[in-house]
Amino acid sequence: MGVKQLPAMDSPAFRLSRVPGLRPILISAALVIPCFWQPIVSGFDLQSHLYNAWLATLIERGSIHGLSIGHQSTNVLIDMLLTWLLKAFGVSVAERVLCCSAVLVFFWGAFRFISEVRGQATYWLAPWLAVFSYGYVFQAGLMNYYLACGIVFWIFAAAWKRGIGWWCIAAIPFL
């Protein structure tokens, strides 16, 4: 039988393990690495959202004449975020910031929901949730759906122990 040896009390590993909040920061940093190593972060639908946001910024600046912005009421969150991010940072940074944010919202929402259901933190599931976070929906670029799923995970996690109550009114804008 092997005996598990604990790290020494003065070792760097022991000191790092006692830093509150370090584990989620390290997991988040590792989770967004794939958003930076690819030349194009996500495919299909995200690229059309990026094009629409770029076109909207050109129309707003008056660089393109004869086109106007049509206003929609559904599937607009990603377009609005990308338009704002494009104005502030440019195409490549906007795409990466949006994808990193969406991955973190989805991953930590799913993590939180599963942890609430189990009654304890499920860090052992983090690698599987990371794989799930970069699954087909992310690769297809269905970012409105992807971000909505992440937000719903957060709402389900909040509702799991509390049940339905007045706090649900605050969740209505997110739904």
Protein backbone atom coordinates (compact mmCIF):
# COMPACT_ATOMS: atom_id res chain seq x y z
CA MET A 1 0.00 0.00 0.00
CA GLY A 2 1.22 3.44 -0.90
CA VAL A 3 1.09 6.24 1.59
CA LYS A 4 0.06 9.62 0.26
CA GLN A 5 2.60 12.20 1.30
CA LEU A 6 1.25 15.66 2.04
CA PRO A 7 3.21 18.72 0.91
CA ALA A 8 5.40 20.35 3.53
CA MET A 9 3.78 23.25 5.38
CA ASP A 10 6.35 25.70 4.02
CA SER A 11 6.38 24.44 0.41
CA PRO A 12 5.17 26.71 -2.43
CA ALA A 13 2.51 24.13 -3.39
CA PHE A 14 1.04 24.21 0.10
CA ARG A 15 1.03 28.01 0.22
CA LEU A 16 -0.63 28.23 -3.22
CA SER A 17 -3.28 25.72 -2.22
CA ARG A 18 -4.28 28.04 0.63
CA VAL A 19 -4.80 31.13 -1.56
CA PRO A 20 -8.57 31.73 -1.67
CA GLY A 21 -10.00 31.94 -5.16
CA LEU A 22 -6.82 30.80 -6.92
CA ARG A 23 -8.30 27.57 -8.30
CA PRO A 24 -11.11 29.31 -10.27
CA ILE A 25 -8.62 31.86 -11.62
CA LEU A 26 -6.25 29.15 -12.83
CA ILE A 27 -9.10 27.14 -14.33
CA SER A 28 -10.45 30.24 -16.10
CA ALA A 29 -7.01 31.11 -17.47
CA ALA A 30 -6.54 27.57 -18.80
CA LEU A 31 -10.07 27.53 -20.18
CA VAL A 32 -9.61 30.56 -22.46
CA ILE A 33 -6.27 29.45 -23.96
CA PRO A 34 -7.95 27.85 -27.03
CA CYS A 35 -9.54 31.22 -27.85
CA PHE A 36 -6.06 32.62 -28.46
CA TRP A 37 -4.18 29.85 -30.26
CA GLN A 38 -6.51 29.70 -33.27
CA PRO A 39 -6.42 32.30 -36.07
CA ILE A 40 -10.24 32.24 -36.23
CA VAL A 41 -11.88 31.41 -32.92
CA SER A 42 -15.20 29.98 -34.01
CA GLY A 43 -16.85 29.21 -37.28
CA PHE A 44 -20.06 29.44 -39.21
CA ASP A 45 -22.58 31.65 -37.43
CA LEU A 46 -20.15 33.74 -35.36
CA GLN A 47 -18.43 34.95 -38.51
CA SER A 48 -21.75 36.23 -39.88
CA HIS A 49 -22.39 38.04 -36.58
CA LEU A 50 -18.92 39.56 -36.82
CA TYR A 51 -19.58 40.68 -40.39
CA ASN A 52 -22.95 42.17 -39.41
CA ALA A 53 -21.39 44.06 -36.49
CA TRP A 54 -18.58 45.37 -38.71
CA LEU A 55 -21.12 46.46 -41.33
CA ALA A 56 -23.24 48.16 -38.65
CA THR A 57 -20.23 50.17 -37.42
CA LEU A 58 -19.52 51.31 -40.99
CA ILE A 59 -23.15 52.33 -41.50
CA GLU A 60 -23.22 54.23 -38.18
CA ARG A 61 -20.04 56.10 -39.15
CA GLY A 62 -21.58 57.05 -42.49
CA SER A 63 -18.92 55.21 -44.50
CA ILE A 64 -21.51 53.31 -46.49
CA HIS A 65 -24.34 55.19 -48.17
CA GLY A 66 -27.65 53.66 -49.14
CA LEU A 67 -27.71 51.06 -46.38
CA SER A 68 -29.58 51.27 -43.11
CA ILE A 69 -29.63 49.17 -39.97
CA GLY A 70 -32.74 47.04 -39.57
CA HIS A 71 -33.72 46.51 -35.97
CA GLN A 72 -34.61 43.04 -34.75
CA SER A 73 -35.96 41.85 -31.44
CA THR A 74 -34.51 38.31 -31.23
CA ASN A 75 -31.00 36.88 -31.42
CA VAL A 76 -29.42 40.29 -31.05
CA LEU A 77 -27.28 40.04 -27.89
CA ILE A 78 -24.14 38.85 -29.68
CA ASP A 79 -24.59 41.42 -32.47
CA MET A 80 -24.92 44.24 -29.92
CA LEU A 81 -21.91 43.04 -27.91
CA LEU A 82 -19.79 42.60 -31.02
CA THR A 83 -20.73 46.05 -32.33
CA TRP A 84 -19.68 47.62 -29.04
CA LEU A 85 -16.47 45.55 -28.86
CA LEU A 86 -15.57 46.34 -32.49
CA LYS A 87 -15.81 50.05 -31.80
CA ALA A 88 -13.60 49.70 -28.74
CA PHE A 89 -10.99 47.12 -29.80
CA GLY A 90 -11.11 45.99 -33.43
CA VAL A 91 -12.08 42.74 -35.12
CA SER A 92 -9.65 40.17 -33.72
CA VAL A 93 -9.79 41.37 -30.12
CA ALA A 94 -13.60 41.72 -30.25
CA GLU A 95 -13.99 38.14 -31.45
CA ARG A 96 -11.66 36.78 -28.79
CA VAL A 97 -13.10 38.81 -25.91
CA LEU A 98 -16.62 37.74 -26.83
CA CYS A 99 -15.68 34.06 -27.16
CA CYS A 100 -13.68 34.05 -23.92
CA SER A 101 -16.56 35.70 -22.08
CA ALA A 102 -19.11 33.28 -23.52
CA VAL A 103 -16.96 30.25 -22.65
CA LEU A 104 -16.50 31.46 -19.07
CA VAL A 105 -20.22 32.21 -18.62
CA PHE A 106 -21.14 28.78 -20.00
CA PHE A 107 -18.47 26.81 -18.12
CA TRP A 108 -18.96 28.46 -14.72
CA GLY A 109 -22.75 28.40 -15.11
CA ALA A 110 -22.67 24.65 -15.77
CA PHE A 111 -20.13 24.15 -12.98
CA ARG A 112 -22.22 26.13 -10.52
CA PHE A 113 -25.43 24.33 -11.45
CA ILE A 114 -23.86 20.87 -11.09
CA SER A 115 -22.24 21.91 -7.81
CA GLU A 116 -25.59 23.14 -6.47
CA VAL A 117 -27.29 19.89 -7.45
CA ARG A 118 -24.55 17.80 -5.79
CA GLY A 119 -24.25 20.06 -2.77
CA GLN A 120 -20.49 20.50 -3.11
CA ALA A 121 -17.96 21.89 -5.60
CA THR A 122 -17.30 19.57 -8.52
CA TYR A 123 -13.77 20.50 -9.53
CA TRP A 124 -13.15 16.93 -10.63
CA LEU A 125 -15.64 17.57 -13.47
CA ALA A 126 -13.80 20.66 -14.72
CA PRO A 127 -11.92 18.87 -17.55
CA TRP A 128 -15.16 17.33 -18.82
CA LEU A 129 -17.00 20.63 -18.61
CA ALA A 130 -14.14 22.29 -20.51
CA VAL A 131 -14.51 19.75 -23.31
CA PHE A 132 -18.27 20.29 -23.26
CA SER A 133 -17.73 24.08 -23.34
CA TYR A 134 -15.81 23.80 -26.62
CA GLY A 135 -18.31 21.38 -28.15
CA TYR A 136 -20.36 21.57 -31.32
CA VAL A 137 -22.45 24.60 -30.36
CA PHE A 138 -19.31 26.67 -29.73
CA GLN A 139 -17.57 25.40 -32.87
CA ALA A 140 -20.63 26.12 -34.97
CA GLY A 141 -20.60 29.67 -33.61
CA LEU A 142 -24.18 29.62 -32.34
CA MET A 143 -23.20 32.20 -29.77
CA ASN A 144 -26.65 33.59 -28.91
CA TYR A 145 -27.79 30.07 -28.02
CA TYR A 146 -24.49 29.28 -26.28
CA LEU A 147 -24.56 32.40 -24.13
CA ALA A 148 -28.25 31.87 -23.34
CA CYS A 149 -27.50 28.33 -22.14
CA GLY A 150 -24.76 29.68 -19.86
CA ILE A 151 -27.08 32.31 -18.40
CA VAL A 152 -29.81 29.70 -17.88
CA PHE A 153 -27.32 27.47 -16.04
CA TRP A 154 -26.63 30.38 -13.66
CA ILE A 155 -30.36 30.95 -13.13
CA PHE A 156 -30.98 27.23 -12.51
CA ALA A 157 -28.11 27.18 -10.02
CA ALA A 158 -29.62 30.12 -8.16
CA ALA A 159 -33.06 28.51 -8.18
CA TRP A 160 -31.94 25.05 -7.08
CA LYS A 161 -31.79 25.65 -3.32
CA ARG A 162 -33.93 28.76 -3.09
CA GLY A 163 -36.90 27.58 -5.10
CA ILE A 164 -39.24 29.94 -6.86
CA GLY A 165 -39.57 33.28 -5.15
CA TRP A 166 -39.31 37.04 -5.49
CA TRP A 167 -35.73 36.79 -6.74
CA CYS A 168 -37.17 35.30 -9.95
CA ILE A 169 -38.42 38.75 -10.91
CA ALA A 170 -34.80 39.89 -11.11
CA ALA A 171 -34.04 36.99 -13.48
CA ILE A 172 -36.77 37.93 -15.97
CA PRO A 173 -34.59 40.29 -18.07
CA PHE A 174 -32.01 37.50 -18.45
CA LEU A 175 -34.62 35.01 -19.56
